[in-house]
Every structure is written in C-alpha cells, then in structure tokens.
C-alpha cells in the first residue's frame, strides 16, 4: 500500500473553490497534502478521518523569502489560534488545513486576492499563450510527426490561447466585482484546461514515444 501519491490536477490559480473541494475530497479519504507545485499535488496517507482546507494569497510572498509572507510566523500563529494550521505554499498561494469542519473561513480582502493572483499568474499565462501561438504556427508547416500527433498538439496550442482569453475575462470581472461589491468572483477552471489539454498532451506524448 502506497503512503505517498502524486496527482496532477489542472485547476486554474483563481479557482479557489475547485482546488479546496479537490483537497477536501482527498482529505476525506485520509490523504493530506504534502506539497503543491503548479498542477502536481503530493499527498501522504494519514489515519485522520477529516480535513478541511482553505486558501489565501499574499502580495509580499515572493521569491526572495521563498514565497512565505512577511511576518509569517505571527500570522500563522494567529491563524492557528483560529483553528487553521499552515500547511504549504505554492508561490503566492498559501494553503491552510483544519481538523474542525466548522472552522471559520479565512478572511482575506477580495481586491488583494485578485491582485495577488494576477501578479502570480500573469507570467505563466503569458508563457502559455506564447507556446500556444507557436504551436499553432508550427502546425501550419509540414511536420515529421504523425498527423494524429500534429492534431493533438494543435488542440493543445488552441486550448492554451483560449485559456489566456478566459483568464483575461476572469481578471476583468473579478477586479470589477472586488472594487464595486467587495467580494471575490468565484468561477471554475475552464473545461479545456481541466480535461482537453491533459488528455491531448498525454495522447501526443504517447504517440511521439511510439514513433507515430
């Protein structure tokens, strides 16, 4: 029986609900998050019956301090007194856990959350769109790969560009809602990045290794 597992889960950085629900489902099965790096989640087995997760973001969490927040120990101790234990972070995203299902949700200013998510995600989104456009252009020319492989890579490229557009729409709506209504704009990860891209990439990688 494995006591450590790695699971790729393609949730957008702004999809707080999707990420926490995924973590909560794993927690209900006795798996506690050990680390998160992009789409790769590492879990370890535990005998605890229940966990509840929450996520927050901090602008002053940057590379110079390993993405921990300034004055982090004081903040973490304050959250611990409220029932939340700091677990791990993924860049500016800070992940907390509680063994009490009734623990009050972490309170973070909606505008701050939107701005920090944007700071953290914009570079990756820009790179993603660049790769997508490059892949689309490359598929215009003849390739050494099998037509099926080319098609799968083309689908990935289109999805990357589309996800960039989805992100821009989310940021615009989220910024407006945070400023005008002081609330966080909740939206799920688009189906292209959550399902189509992983399947297409897996298919393309398999086809390349098989020499198609």
N, C-alpha and C. Protein backbone atom coordinates (compact mmCIF):
# COMPACT_ATOMS: atom_id res chain seq x y z
N UNK A 1 0.84 -1.20 0.00
CA UNK A 1 0.00 0.00 0.00
C UNK A 1 0.88 1.25 0.00
N UNK A 2 0.62 2.15 -0.94
CA UNK A 2 1.41 3.37 -1.02
C UNK A 2 1.01 4.33 0.09
N UNK A 3 2.01 5.00 0.68
CA UNK A 3 1.69 6.02 1.67
C UNK A 3 1.96 7.42 1.13
N UNK A 4 2.43 7.51 -0.13
CA UNK A 4 2.62 8.78 -0.80
C UNK A 4 2.15 8.67 -2.24
N UNK A 5 1.38 9.63 -2.70
CA UNK A 5 0.93 9.63 -4.08
C UNK A 5 1.08 11.03 -4.68
N UNK A 6 1.28 11.08 -5.99
CA UNK A 6 1.34 12.33 -6.73
C UNK A 6 0.17 12.37 -7.70
N UNK A 7 -0.58 13.45 -7.66
CA UNK A 7 -1.74 13.57 -8.52
C UNK A 7 -1.67 14.88 -9.29
N UNK A 8 -1.70 14.83 -10.64
CA UNK A 8 -1.80 16.07 -11.42
C UNK A 8 -3.27 16.51 -11.48
N UNK A 9 -3.53 17.74 -11.12
CA UNK A 9 -4.89 18.28 -11.16
C UNK A 9 -4.82 19.66 -11.80
N UNK A 10 -5.49 19.82 -12.92
CA UNK A 10 -5.34 21.02 -13.74
C UNK A 10 -6.38 22.08 -13.37
N UNK A 11 -6.20 22.67 -12.19
CA UNK A 11 -7.07 23.76 -11.75
C UNK A 11 -6.38 25.10 -11.98
N UNK A 12 -7.17 26.08 -12.41
CA UNK A 12 -6.63 27.43 -12.58
C UNK A 12 -6.29 28.02 -11.21
N UNK A 13 -5.33 28.92 -11.18
CA UNK A 13 -4.89 29.51 -9.91
C UNK A 13 -6.01 30.27 -9.22
N UNK A 14 -6.93 30.84 -10.01
CA UNK A 14 -8.02 31.62 -9.43
C UNK A 14 -9.20 30.74 -8.99
N UNK A 15 -9.15 29.44 -9.27
CA UNK A 15 -10.26 28.55 -8.94
C UNK A 15 -10.11 28.05 -7.50
N UNK A 16 -10.31 28.94 -6.54
CA UNK A 16 -10.17 28.59 -5.13
C UNK A 16 -11.13 27.47 -4.73
N UNK A 17 -12.37 27.57 -5.19
CA UNK A 17 -13.37 26.58 -4.82
C UNK A 17 -13.00 25.21 -5.38
N UNK A 18 -12.58 25.16 -6.64
CA UNK A 18 -12.21 23.89 -7.25
C UNK A 18 -11.04 23.23 -6.53
N UNK A 19 -10.03 24.03 -6.19
CA UNK A 19 -8.85 23.48 -5.52
C UNK A 19 -9.19 22.99 -4.12
N UNK A 20 -9.92 23.80 -3.35
CA UNK A 20 -10.25 23.40 -1.98
C UNK A 20 -11.18 22.19 -1.96
N UNK A 21 -12.13 22.12 -2.90
CA UNK A 21 -13.02 20.95 -2.95
C UNK A 21 -12.24 19.69 -3.30
N UNK A 22 -11.27 19.81 -4.20
CA UNK A 22 -10.41 18.68 -4.55
C UNK A 22 -9.61 18.22 -3.32
N UNK A 23 -9.01 19.19 -2.61
CA UNK A 23 -8.24 18.86 -1.41
C UNK A 23 -9.12 18.25 -0.32
N UNK A 24 -10.34 18.79 -0.19
CA UNK A 24 -11.26 18.26 0.82
C UNK A 24 -11.67 16.82 0.50
N UNK A 25 -11.86 16.53 -0.78
CA UNK A 25 -12.21 15.15 -1.17
C UNK A 25 -11.07 14.19 -0.82
N UNK A 26 -9.84 14.64 -1.09
CA UNK A 26 -8.69 13.80 -0.75
C UNK A 26 -8.56 13.65 0.77
N UNK A 27 -8.82 14.74 1.50
CA UNK A 27 -8.75 14.71 2.95
C UNK A 27 -9.77 13.75 3.55
N UNK A 28 -10.95 13.69 2.95
CA UNK A 28 -12.00 12.79 3.44
C UNK A 28 -11.59 11.33 3.27
N UNK A 29 -10.66 11.07 2.35
CA UNK A 29 -10.17 9.71 2.11
C UNK A 29 -8.91 9.41 2.93
N UNK A 30 -8.50 10.38 3.75
CA UNK A 30 -7.33 10.15 4.59
C UNK A 30 -6.01 10.58 3.97
N UNK A 31 -6.06 11.41 2.94
CA UNK A 31 -4.83 11.89 2.30
C UNK A 31 -4.63 13.36 2.64
N UNK A 32 -3.47 13.70 3.15
CA UNK A 32 -3.16 15.08 3.50
C UNK A 32 -2.14 15.64 2.51
N UNK A 33 -2.35 16.86 2.09
CA UNK A 33 -1.44 17.49 1.13
C UNK A 33 -0.07 17.70 1.75
N UNK A 34 0.96 17.28 1.02
CA UNK A 34 2.33 17.48 1.48
C UNK A 34 2.97 18.68 0.78
N UNK A 35 2.72 18.81 -0.52
CA UNK A 35 3.24 19.95 -1.27
C UNK A 35 2.44 20.11 -2.55
N UNK A 36 2.51 21.31 -3.10
CA UNK A 36 1.86 21.63 -4.37
C UNK A 36 2.81 22.45 -5.20
N UNK A 37 3.07 21.99 -6.43
CA UNK A 37 3.91 22.71 -7.36
C UNK A 37 3.18 22.78 -8.70
N UNK A 38 2.54 23.89 -8.95
CA UNK A 38 1.77 24.02 -10.18
C UNK A 38 0.59 23.06 -10.17
N UNK A 39 0.55 22.15 -11.15
CA UNK A 39 -0.57 21.21 -11.24
C UNK A 39 -0.29 19.90 -10.51
N UNK A 40 0.91 19.75 -9.94
CA UNK A 40 1.27 18.49 -9.29
C UNK A 40 1.08 18.59 -7.77
N UNK A 41 0.21 17.71 -7.25
CA UNK A 41 -0.09 17.68 -5.82
C UNK A 41 0.49 16.40 -5.22
N UNK A 42 1.20 16.56 -4.12
CA UNK A 42 1.76 15.41 -3.42
C UNK A 42 0.98 15.19 -2.12
N UNK A 43 0.49 13.98 -1.92
CA UNK A 43 -0.29 13.64 -0.74
C UNK A 43 0.39 12.52 0.04
N UNK A 44 0.22 12.53 1.36
CA UNK A 44 0.69 11.43 2.20
C UNK A 44 -0.50 10.86 2.96
N UNK A 45 -0.46 9.57 3.23
CA UNK A 45 -1.55 8.89 3.90
C UNK A 45 -1.53 9.18 5.40
N UNK A 46 -2.70 9.34 5.97
CA UNK A 46 -2.82 9.58 7.40
C UNK A 46 -4.06 8.86 7.92
N UNK A 47 -4.13 8.64 9.22
CA UNK A 47 -5.29 7.97 9.79
C UNK A 47 -6.34 8.96 10.29
N UNK A 48 -6.13 10.25 10.01
CA UNK A 48 -7.12 11.25 10.41
C UNK A 48 -8.40 11.08 9.58
N UNK A 49 -9.57 11.25 10.21
CA UNK A 49 -10.81 10.99 9.49
C UNK A 49 -11.29 12.15 8.61
N UNK A 50 -10.83 13.37 8.88
CA UNK A 50 -11.39 14.51 8.15
C UNK A 50 -10.42 15.68 8.16
N UNK A 51 -10.39 16.36 7.02
CA UNK A 51 -9.63 17.61 6.92
C UNK A 51 -10.46 18.63 6.17
N UNK A 52 -10.24 19.88 6.49
CA UNK A 52 -10.85 20.97 5.72
C UNK A 52 -9.73 21.93 5.31
N UNK A 53 -9.72 22.32 4.05
CA UNK A 53 -8.68 23.19 3.53
C UNK A 53 -9.23 24.57 3.23
N UNK A 54 -8.34 25.53 3.24
CA UNK A 54 -8.67 26.88 2.77
C UNK A 54 -7.40 27.50 2.16
N UNK A 55 -7.61 28.46 1.31
CA UNK A 55 -6.51 29.08 0.55
C UNK A 55 -6.59 30.59 0.68
N UNK A 56 -5.44 31.22 0.79
CA UNK A 56 -5.37 32.67 0.73
C UNK A 56 -4.11 33.06 -0.03
N UNK A 57 -3.97 34.34 -0.33
CA UNK A 57 -2.86 34.83 -1.15
C UNK A 57 -2.28 36.08 -0.50
N UNK A 58 -0.95 36.27 -0.68
CA UNK A 58 -0.30 37.44 -0.10
C UNK A 58 0.64 38.09 -1.10
N UNK A 59 0.52 39.42 -1.21
CA UNK A 59 1.34 40.17 -2.17
C UNK A 59 2.82 40.14 -1.81
N UNK A 60 3.13 40.12 -0.51
CA UNK A 60 4.55 40.18 -0.11
C UNK A 60 5.20 38.80 -0.07
N UNK A 61 4.50 37.77 -0.52
CA UNK A 61 5.13 36.45 -0.64
C UNK A 61 5.80 36.37 -1.99
N UNK A 62 7.12 36.45 -1.99
CA UNK A 62 7.83 36.44 -3.27
C UNK A 62 9.07 35.55 -3.18
N UNK A 63 9.81 35.52 -4.27
CA UNK A 63 10.94 34.59 -4.38
C UNK A 63 12.02 34.87 -3.36
N UNK A 64 12.18 36.13 -2.96
CA UNK A 64 13.25 36.48 -2.02
C UNK A 64 13.05 35.85 -0.64
N UNK A 65 11.80 35.57 -0.28
CA UNK A 65 11.55 34.93 1.02
C UNK A 65 10.87 33.57 0.83
N UNK A 66 11.20 32.92 -0.30
CA UNK A 66 10.68 31.58 -0.60
C UNK A 66 9.15 31.53 -0.59
N UNK A 67 8.56 32.66 -0.93
CA UNK A 67 7.10 32.79 -1.03
C UNK A 67 6.37 32.63 0.29
N UNK A 68 7.08 32.86 1.39
CA UNK A 68 6.41 32.99 2.68
C UNK A 68 6.10 34.47 2.87
N UNK A 69 5.08 34.76 3.65
CA UNK A 69 4.68 36.15 3.82
C UNK A 69 5.57 36.84 4.86
N UNK A 70 5.67 38.15 4.73
CA UNK A 70 6.42 38.94 5.70
C UNK A 70 5.70 38.87 7.05
N UNK A 71 6.45 38.61 8.09
CA UNK A 71 5.84 38.44 9.41
C UNK A 71 5.02 37.17 9.48
N UNK A 72 5.45 36.16 8.72
CA UNK A 72 4.64 34.95 8.56
C UNK A 72 4.37 34.22 9.88
N UNK A 73 5.37 34.14 10.76
CA UNK A 73 5.19 33.38 11.99
C UNK A 73 4.07 33.96 12.85
N UNK A 74 4.01 35.30 12.94
CA UNK A 74 2.94 35.93 13.71
C UNK A 74 1.59 35.63 13.07
N UNK A 75 1.55 35.73 11.76
CA UNK A 75 0.28 35.49 11.06
C UNK A 75 -0.15 34.04 11.23
N UNK A 76 0.80 33.12 11.04
CA UNK A 76 0.46 31.70 11.15
C UNK A 76 0.01 31.33 12.56
N UNK A 77 0.64 31.93 13.56
CA UNK A 77 0.23 31.68 14.93
C UNK A 77 -1.18 32.20 15.19
N UNK A 78 -1.50 33.36 14.59
CA UNK A 78 -2.83 33.93 14.75
C UNK A 78 -3.87 33.03 14.09
N UNK A 79 -3.54 32.52 12.90
CA UNK A 79 -4.46 31.60 12.21
C UNK A 79 -4.60 30.29 12.98
N UNK A 80 -3.51 29.85 13.61
CA UNK A 80 -3.55 28.61 14.39
C UNK A 80 -4.49 28.75 15.57
N UNK A 81 -4.50 29.92 16.18
CA UNK A 81 -5.41 30.17 17.29
C UNK A 81 -6.87 30.11 16.83
N UNK A 82 -7.09 30.40 15.54
CA UNK A 82 -8.44 30.34 14.98
C UNK A 82 -8.79 28.98 14.41
N UNK A 83 -7.88 28.00 14.59
CA UNK A 83 -8.18 26.65 14.15
C UNK A 83 -7.52 26.24 12.84
N UNK A 84 -6.72 27.13 12.24
CA UNK A 84 -6.08 26.83 10.95
C UNK A 84 -4.59 26.60 11.13
N UNK A 85 -4.09 25.53 10.55
CA UNK A 85 -2.67 25.21 10.58
C UNK A 85 -2.08 25.45 9.19
N UNK A 86 -1.02 26.27 9.11
CA UNK A 86 -0.37 26.47 7.82
C UNK A 86 0.23 25.15 7.35
N UNK A 87 -0.02 24.82 6.09
CA UNK A 87 0.40 23.52 5.57
C UNK A 87 1.56 23.66 4.58
N UNK A 88 1.33 24.39 3.51
CA UNK A 88 2.36 24.57 2.48
C UNK A 88 1.97 25.75 1.61
N UNK A 89 2.85 26.12 0.70
CA UNK A 89 2.53 27.20 -0.23
C UNK A 89 3.00 26.83 -1.63
N UNK A 90 2.37 27.47 -2.59
CA UNK A 90 2.77 27.34 -3.99
C UNK A 90 2.86 28.75 -4.54
N UNK A 91 4.08 29.27 -4.55
CA UNK A 91 4.29 30.68 -4.88
C UNK A 91 3.47 31.53 -3.92
N UNK A 92 2.63 32.43 -4.41
CA UNK A 92 1.90 33.34 -3.53
C UNK A 92 0.68 32.69 -2.86
N UNK A 93 0.32 31.52 -3.31
CA UNK A 93 -0.81 30.81 -2.72
C UNK A 93 -0.38 30.15 -1.41
N UNK A 94 -1.11 30.45 -0.33
CA UNK A 94 -0.84 29.88 0.98
C UNK A 94 -1.98 28.91 1.34
N UNK A 95 -1.63 27.68 1.67
CA UNK A 95 -2.64 26.64 1.90
C UNK A 95 -2.67 26.28 3.38
N UNK A 96 -3.88 26.32 3.96
CA UNK A 96 -4.09 26.01 5.37
C UNK A 96 -5.00 24.80 5.51
N UNK A 97 -4.92 24.16 6.67
CA UNK A 97 -5.72 22.97 6.92
C UNK A 97 -6.29 23.03 8.33
N UNK A 98 -7.47 22.44 8.50
CA UNK A 98 -8.09 22.38 9.82
C UNK A 98 -8.73 21.00 9.98
N UNK A 99 -8.70 20.49 11.21
CA UNK A 99 -9.36 19.23 11.51
C UNK A 99 -10.79 19.46 11.99
N UNK A 100 -11.19 20.71 12.07
CA UNK A 100 -12.54 21.06 12.52
C UNK A 100 -13.38 21.54 11.32
N UNK A 101 -14.43 20.82 10.97
CA UNK A 101 -15.24 21.22 9.81
C UNK A 101 -15.96 22.55 9.99
N UNK A 102 -16.06 23.03 11.22
CA UNK A 102 -16.78 24.28 11.49
C UNK A 102 -15.86 25.49 11.65
N UNK A 103 -14.57 25.32 11.36
CA UNK A 103 -13.63 26.44 11.47
C UNK A 103 -14.05 27.56 10.54
N UNK A 104 -14.01 28.79 11.03
CA UNK A 104 -14.42 29.95 10.23
C UNK A 104 -13.47 30.13 9.05
N UNK A 105 -14.01 30.37 7.88
CA UNK A 105 -13.22 30.53 6.66
C UNK A 105 -12.23 31.69 6.81
N UNK A 106 -11.03 31.51 6.25
CA UNK A 106 -10.03 32.57 6.30
C UNK A 106 -10.55 33.82 5.61
N UNK A 107 -10.31 34.94 6.23
CA UNK A 107 -10.82 36.22 5.71
C UNK A 107 -9.68 36.99 5.05
N UNK A 108 -9.78 37.20 3.75
CA UNK A 108 -8.79 37.97 3.01
C UNK A 108 -9.51 38.97 2.12
N UNK A 109 -9.00 40.18 2.05
CA UNK A 109 -9.61 41.22 1.23
C UNK A 109 -9.72 40.75 -0.23
N UNK A 110 -10.93 40.79 -0.83
CA UNK A 110 -11.13 40.30 -2.20
C UNK A 110 -10.24 40.99 -3.23
N UNK A 111 -10.08 42.31 -3.12
CA UNK A 111 -9.25 43.03 -4.08
C UNK A 111 -7.80 42.58 -3.98
N UNK A 112 -7.32 42.37 -2.75
CA UNK A 112 -5.96 41.88 -2.57
C UNK A 112 -5.78 40.51 -3.21
N UNK A 113 -6.77 39.64 -3.01
CA UNK A 113 -6.69 38.30 -3.60
C UNK A 113 -6.58 38.37 -5.12
N UNK A 114 -7.42 39.19 -5.73
CA UNK A 114 -7.42 39.31 -7.19
C UNK A 114 -6.09 39.84 -7.69
N UNK A 115 -5.59 40.88 -7.04
CA UNK A 115 -4.33 41.48 -7.47
C UNK A 115 -3.15 40.53 -7.30
N UNK A 116 -3.15 39.76 -6.21
CA UNK A 116 -2.04 38.83 -5.96
C UNK A 116 -2.11 37.66 -6.94
N UNK A 117 -3.30 37.14 -7.18
CA UNK A 117 -3.45 36.06 -8.17
C UNK A 117 -2.95 36.53 -9.52
N UNK A 118 -3.26 37.77 -9.87
CA UNK A 118 -2.83 38.31 -11.16
C UNK A 118 -1.30 38.42 -11.20
N UNK A 119 -0.71 38.90 -10.13
CA UNK A 119 0.76 39.00 -10.07
C UNK A 119 1.41 37.63 -10.24
N UNK A 120 0.79 36.63 -9.63
CA UNK A 120 1.36 35.29 -9.64
C UNK A 120 1.13 34.57 -10.97
N UNK A 121 -0.02 34.84 -11.60
CA UNK A 121 -0.42 34.05 -12.77
C UNK A 121 -0.06 34.67 -14.10
N UNK A 122 0.11 35.99 -14.18
CA UNK A 122 0.23 36.65 -15.47
C UNK A 122 1.45 36.18 -16.26
N UNK A 123 2.57 35.93 -15.57
CA UNK A 123 3.77 35.46 -16.27
C UNK A 123 3.55 34.09 -16.89
N UNK A 124 2.94 33.19 -16.12
CA UNK A 124 2.67 31.84 -16.62
C UNK A 124 1.67 31.87 -17.76
N UNK A 125 0.63 32.70 -17.62
CA UNK A 125 -0.37 32.81 -18.68
C UNK A 125 0.26 33.33 -19.96
N UNK A 126 1.14 34.34 -19.81
CA UNK A 126 1.82 34.89 -20.99
C UNK A 126 2.67 33.84 -21.70
N UNK A 127 3.41 33.05 -20.91
CA UNK A 127 4.23 31.98 -21.48
C UNK A 127 3.34 30.93 -22.15
N UNK A 128 2.25 30.62 -21.51
CA UNK A 128 1.32 29.62 -22.04
C UNK A 128 0.77 30.06 -23.39
N UNK A 129 0.36 31.32 -23.49
CA UNK A 129 -0.17 31.84 -24.75
C UNK A 129 0.91 31.83 -25.84
N UNK A 130 2.13 32.20 -25.46
CA UNK A 130 3.24 32.19 -26.42
C UNK A 130 3.47 30.78 -26.96
N UNK A 131 3.47 29.79 -26.08
CA UNK A 131 3.65 28.40 -26.51
C UNK A 131 2.49 27.98 -27.41
N UNK A 132 1.29 28.39 -27.04
CA UNK A 132 0.12 28.04 -27.84
C UNK A 132 0.19 28.61 -29.24
N UNK A 133 0.53 29.90 -29.34
CA UNK A 133 0.64 30.54 -30.66
C UNK A 133 1.74 29.89 -31.48
N UNK A 134 2.88 29.61 -30.83
CA UNK A 134 3.99 28.96 -31.52
C UNK A 134 3.59 27.59 -32.05
N UNK A 135 2.85 26.85 -31.25
CA UNK A 135 2.42 25.52 -31.67
C UNK A 135 1.45 25.60 -32.84
N UNK A 136 0.56 26.57 -32.82
CA UNK A 136 -0.39 26.75 -33.92
C UNK A 136 0.36 27.09 -35.21
N UNK A 137 1.34 27.98 -35.11
CA UNK A 137 2.14 28.36 -36.29
C UNK A 137 2.93 27.16 -36.81
N UNK A 138 3.51 26.39 -35.89
CA UNK A 138 4.30 25.22 -36.29
C UNK A 138 3.46 24.20 -37.04
N UNK A 139 2.18 24.11 -36.70
CA UNK A 139 1.32 23.13 -37.33
C UNK A 139 0.90 23.54 -38.74
N UNK A 140 1.20 24.77 -39.10
CA UNK A 140 0.91 25.21 -40.47
C UNK A 140 1.88 24.56 -41.45
N UNK A 141 3.13 24.32 -40.97
CA UNK A 141 4.16 23.72 -41.81
C UNK A 141 4.15 22.20 -41.69
N UNK A 142 4.67 21.48 -42.68
CA UNK A 142 4.76 20.02 -42.60
C UNK A 142 5.59 19.60 -41.40
N UNK A 143 5.21 18.49 -40.78
CA UNK A 143 5.88 18.02 -39.57
C UNK A 143 6.39 16.60 -39.77
N UNK A 144 7.39 16.25 -38.96
CA UNK A 144 7.92 14.89 -39.00
C UNK A 144 7.04 13.91 -38.22
N UNK A 145 6.09 14.46 -37.47
CA UNK A 145 5.22 13.61 -36.68
C UNK A 145 4.07 13.05 -37.50
N UNK A 146 3.38 12.11 -36.91
CA UNK A 146 2.17 11.54 -37.49
C UNK A 146 1.07 12.62 -37.46
N UNK A 147 0.16 12.63 -38.44
CA UNK A 147 -0.93 13.63 -38.44
C UNK A 147 -1.75 13.66 -37.15
N UNK A 148 -1.92 12.48 -36.52
CA UNK A 148 -2.65 12.45 -35.25
C UNK A 148 -1.90 13.22 -34.18
N UNK A 149 -0.58 13.04 -34.12
CA UNK A 149 0.23 13.77 -33.15
C UNK A 149 0.14 15.27 -33.39
N UNK A 150 0.24 15.65 -34.65
CA UNK A 150 0.13 17.07 -35.00
C UNK A 150 -1.23 17.64 -34.57
N UNK A 151 -2.28 16.84 -34.78
CA UNK A 151 -3.62 17.30 -34.41
C UNK A 151 -3.73 17.51 -32.90
N UNK A 152 -3.20 16.56 -32.12
CA UNK A 152 -3.26 16.67 -30.67
C UNK A 152 -2.48 17.88 -30.16
N UNK A 153 -1.31 18.13 -30.76
CA UNK A 153 -0.50 19.28 -30.37
C UNK A 153 -1.19 20.58 -30.78
N UNK A 154 -1.85 20.56 -31.92
CA UNK A 154 -2.60 21.75 -32.36
C UNK A 154 -3.74 22.05 -31.39
N UNK A 155 -4.44 21.00 -30.95
CA UNK A 155 -5.52 21.19 -29.98
C UNK A 155 -4.99 21.82 -28.70
N UNK A 156 -3.83 21.34 -28.24
CA UNK A 156 -3.22 21.92 -27.04
C UNK A 156 -2.90 23.40 -27.25
N UNK A 157 -2.34 23.72 -28.41
CA UNK A 157 -1.99 25.11 -28.69
C UNK A 157 -3.21 26.02 -28.68
N UNK A 158 -4.28 25.56 -29.31
CA UNK A 158 -5.53 26.35 -29.34
C UNK A 158 -6.08 26.52 -27.93
N UNK A 159 -6.03 25.42 -27.13
CA UNK A 159 -6.53 25.50 -25.76
C UNK A 159 -5.71 26.46 -24.92
N UNK A 160 -4.38 26.48 -25.10
CA UNK A 160 -3.52 27.40 -24.36
C UNK A 160 -3.91 28.86 -24.64
N UNK A 161 -4.12 29.16 -25.92
CA UNK A 161 -4.51 30.53 -26.29
C UNK A 161 -5.89 30.86 -25.73
N UNK A 162 -6.83 29.91 -25.85
CA UNK A 162 -8.18 30.13 -25.34
C UNK A 162 -8.16 30.36 -23.83
N UNK A 163 -7.30 29.61 -23.12
CA UNK A 163 -7.22 29.77 -21.67
C UNK A 163 -6.71 31.15 -21.30
N UNK A 164 -5.80 31.69 -22.11
CA UNK A 164 -5.34 33.06 -21.89
C UNK A 164 -6.48 34.05 -21.98
N UNK A 165 -7.37 33.83 -22.95
CA UNK A 165 -8.54 34.70 -23.11
C UNK A 165 -9.50 34.53 -21.93
N UNK A 166 -9.70 33.27 -21.51
CA UNK A 166 -10.56 33.02 -20.34
C UNK A 166 -10.01 33.74 -19.11
N UNK A 167 -8.69 33.71 -18.95
CA UNK A 167 -8.08 34.36 -17.79
C UNK A 167 -8.32 35.87 -17.83
N UNK A 168 -8.15 36.47 -19.00
CA UNK A 168 -8.36 37.92 -19.13
C UNK A 168 -9.80 38.30 -18.78
N UNK A 169 -10.75 37.48 -19.20
CA UNK A 169 -12.16 37.73 -18.87
C UNK A 169 -12.39 37.60 -17.37
N UNK A 170 -11.78 36.55 -16.77
CA UNK A 170 -11.92 36.38 -15.32
C UNK A 170 -11.35 37.57 -14.59
N UNK A 171 -10.16 38.01 -14.96
CA UNK A 171 -9.50 39.10 -14.25
C UNK A 171 -10.31 40.38 -14.33
N UNK A 172 -10.86 40.65 -15.50
CA UNK A 172 -11.67 41.85 -15.68
C UNK A 172 -12.91 41.82 -14.78
N UNK A 173 -13.61 40.68 -14.77
CA UNK A 173 -14.82 40.56 -13.95
C UNK A 173 -14.47 40.55 -12.47
N UNK A 174 -13.39 39.85 -12.11
CA UNK A 174 -13.01 39.74 -10.70
C UNK A 174 -12.59 41.09 -10.13
N UNK A 175 -11.85 41.85 -10.93
CA UNK A 175 -11.40 43.17 -10.48
C UNK A 175 -12.59 44.10 -10.26
N UNK A 176 -13.54 44.05 -11.18
CA UNK A 176 -14.74 44.89 -11.06
C UNK A 176 -15.57 44.50 -9.85
N UNK A 177 -15.76 43.20 -9.63
CA UNK A 177 -16.58 42.75 -8.51
C UNK A 177 -15.92 43.06 -7.18
N UNK A 178 -14.60 42.93 -7.12
CA UNK A 178 -13.88 43.23 -5.88
C UNK A 178 -13.98 44.71 -5.54
N UNK A 179 -13.87 45.58 -6.54
CA UNK A 179 -13.91 47.02 -6.30
C UNK A 179 -15.32 47.51 -5.99
N UNK A 180 -16.30 46.98 -6.73
CA UNK A 180 -17.66 47.51 -6.60
C UNK A 180 -18.48 46.81 -5.52
N UNK A 181 -18.23 45.51 -5.29
CA UNK A 181 -19.06 44.75 -4.35
C UNK A 181 -18.27 44.13 -3.20
N UNK A 182 -16.96 44.35 -3.19
CA UNK A 182 -16.09 43.84 -2.12
C UNK A 182 -16.29 42.33 -1.92
N UNK A 183 -16.34 41.59 -3.03
CA UNK A 183 -16.47 40.14 -2.96
C UNK A 183 -15.60 39.50 -4.03
N UNK A 184 -15.23 38.26 -3.80
CA UNK A 184 -14.36 37.55 -4.72
C UNK A 184 -15.19 36.86 -5.80
N UNK A 185 -14.81 37.06 -7.04
CA UNK A 185 -15.55 36.47 -8.16
C UNK A 185 -15.17 35.00 -8.30
N UNK A 186 -16.09 34.12 -7.94
CA UNK A 186 -15.85 32.68 -7.99
C UNK A 186 -16.19 32.15 -9.38
N UNK A 187 -15.28 31.42 -9.96
CA UNK A 187 -15.54 30.75 -11.23
C UNK A 187 -14.64 29.52 -11.32
N UNK A 188 -15.15 28.49 -11.99
CA UNK A 188 -14.39 27.26 -12.09
C UNK A 188 -13.36 27.29 -13.20
N UNK A 189 -12.46 26.32 -13.18
CA UNK A 189 -11.47 26.16 -14.24
C UNK A 189 -12.18 25.77 -15.53
N UNK A 190 -11.82 26.41 -16.65
CA UNK A 190 -12.50 26.08 -17.90
C UNK A 190 -12.19 24.65 -18.32
N UNK A 191 -13.15 24.05 -18.98
CA UNK A 191 -13.10 22.61 -19.31
C UNK A 191 -11.95 22.28 -20.25
N UNK A 192 -11.49 23.25 -21.04
CA UNK A 192 -10.39 22.99 -21.97
C UNK A 192 -9.12 22.64 -21.22
N UNK A 193 -8.77 23.46 -20.21
CA UNK A 193 -7.52 23.22 -19.47
C UNK A 193 -7.66 22.08 -18.48
N UNK A 194 -8.86 21.85 -18.00
CA UNK A 194 -9.06 20.84 -16.97
C UNK A 194 -9.06 19.42 -17.55
N UNK A 195 -9.60 19.27 -18.77
CA UNK A 195 -9.74 17.94 -19.34
C UNK A 195 -9.10 17.77 -20.72
N UNK A 196 -9.36 18.72 -21.63
CA UNK A 196 -8.92 18.55 -23.02
C UNK A 196 -7.40 18.58 -23.13
N UNK A 197 -6.75 19.55 -22.47
CA UNK A 197 -5.29 19.67 -22.56
C UNK A 197 -4.58 18.45 -21.96
N UNK A 198 -4.92 18.01 -20.75
CA UNK A 198 -4.23 16.82 -20.20
C UNK A 198 -4.37 15.59 -21.10
N UNK A 199 -5.58 15.36 -21.62
CA UNK A 199 -5.80 14.19 -22.48
C UNK A 199 -5.03 14.32 -23.78
N UNK A 200 -5.05 15.52 -24.38
CA UNK A 200 -4.35 15.75 -25.65
C UNK A 200 -2.84 15.63 -25.47
N UNK A 201 -2.31 16.20 -24.38
CA UNK A 201 -0.87 16.11 -24.12
C UNK A 201 -0.44 14.66 -23.89
N UNK A 202 -1.23 13.93 -23.11
CA UNK A 202 -0.91 12.53 -22.86
C UNK A 202 -0.92 11.73 -24.16
N UNK A 203 -1.93 12.01 -25.00
CA UNK A 203 -2.02 11.32 -26.28
C UNK A 203 -0.85 11.65 -27.19
N UNK A 204 -0.46 12.95 -27.23
CA UNK A 204 0.65 13.37 -28.08
C UNK A 204 1.98 12.78 -27.61
N UNK A 205 2.20 12.78 -26.30
CA UNK A 205 3.44 12.21 -25.75
C UNK A 205 3.51 10.72 -26.03
N UNK A 206 2.39 10.03 -25.86
CA UNK A 206 2.35 8.59 -26.14
C UNK A 206 2.64 8.33 -27.61
N UNK A 207 2.03 9.14 -28.49
CA UNK A 207 2.23 8.95 -29.93
C UNK A 207 3.68 9.20 -30.33
N UNK A 208 4.31 10.22 -29.72
CA UNK A 208 5.72 10.52 -30.05
C UNK A 208 6.63 9.37 -29.61
N UNK A 209 6.40 8.85 -28.41
CA UNK A 209 7.23 7.75 -27.92
C UNK A 209 7.03 6.46 -28.73
N UNK A 210 5.84 6.31 -29.28
CA UNK A 210 5.58 5.13 -30.10
C UNK A 210 6.07 5.32 -31.54
N UNK A 211 6.54 6.55 -31.83
CA UNK A 211 7.06 6.82 -33.16
C UNK A 211 6.02 7.07 -34.22
N UNK A 212 4.83 7.50 -33.77
CA UNK A 212 3.77 7.79 -34.74
C UNK A 212 4.07 9.09 -35.47
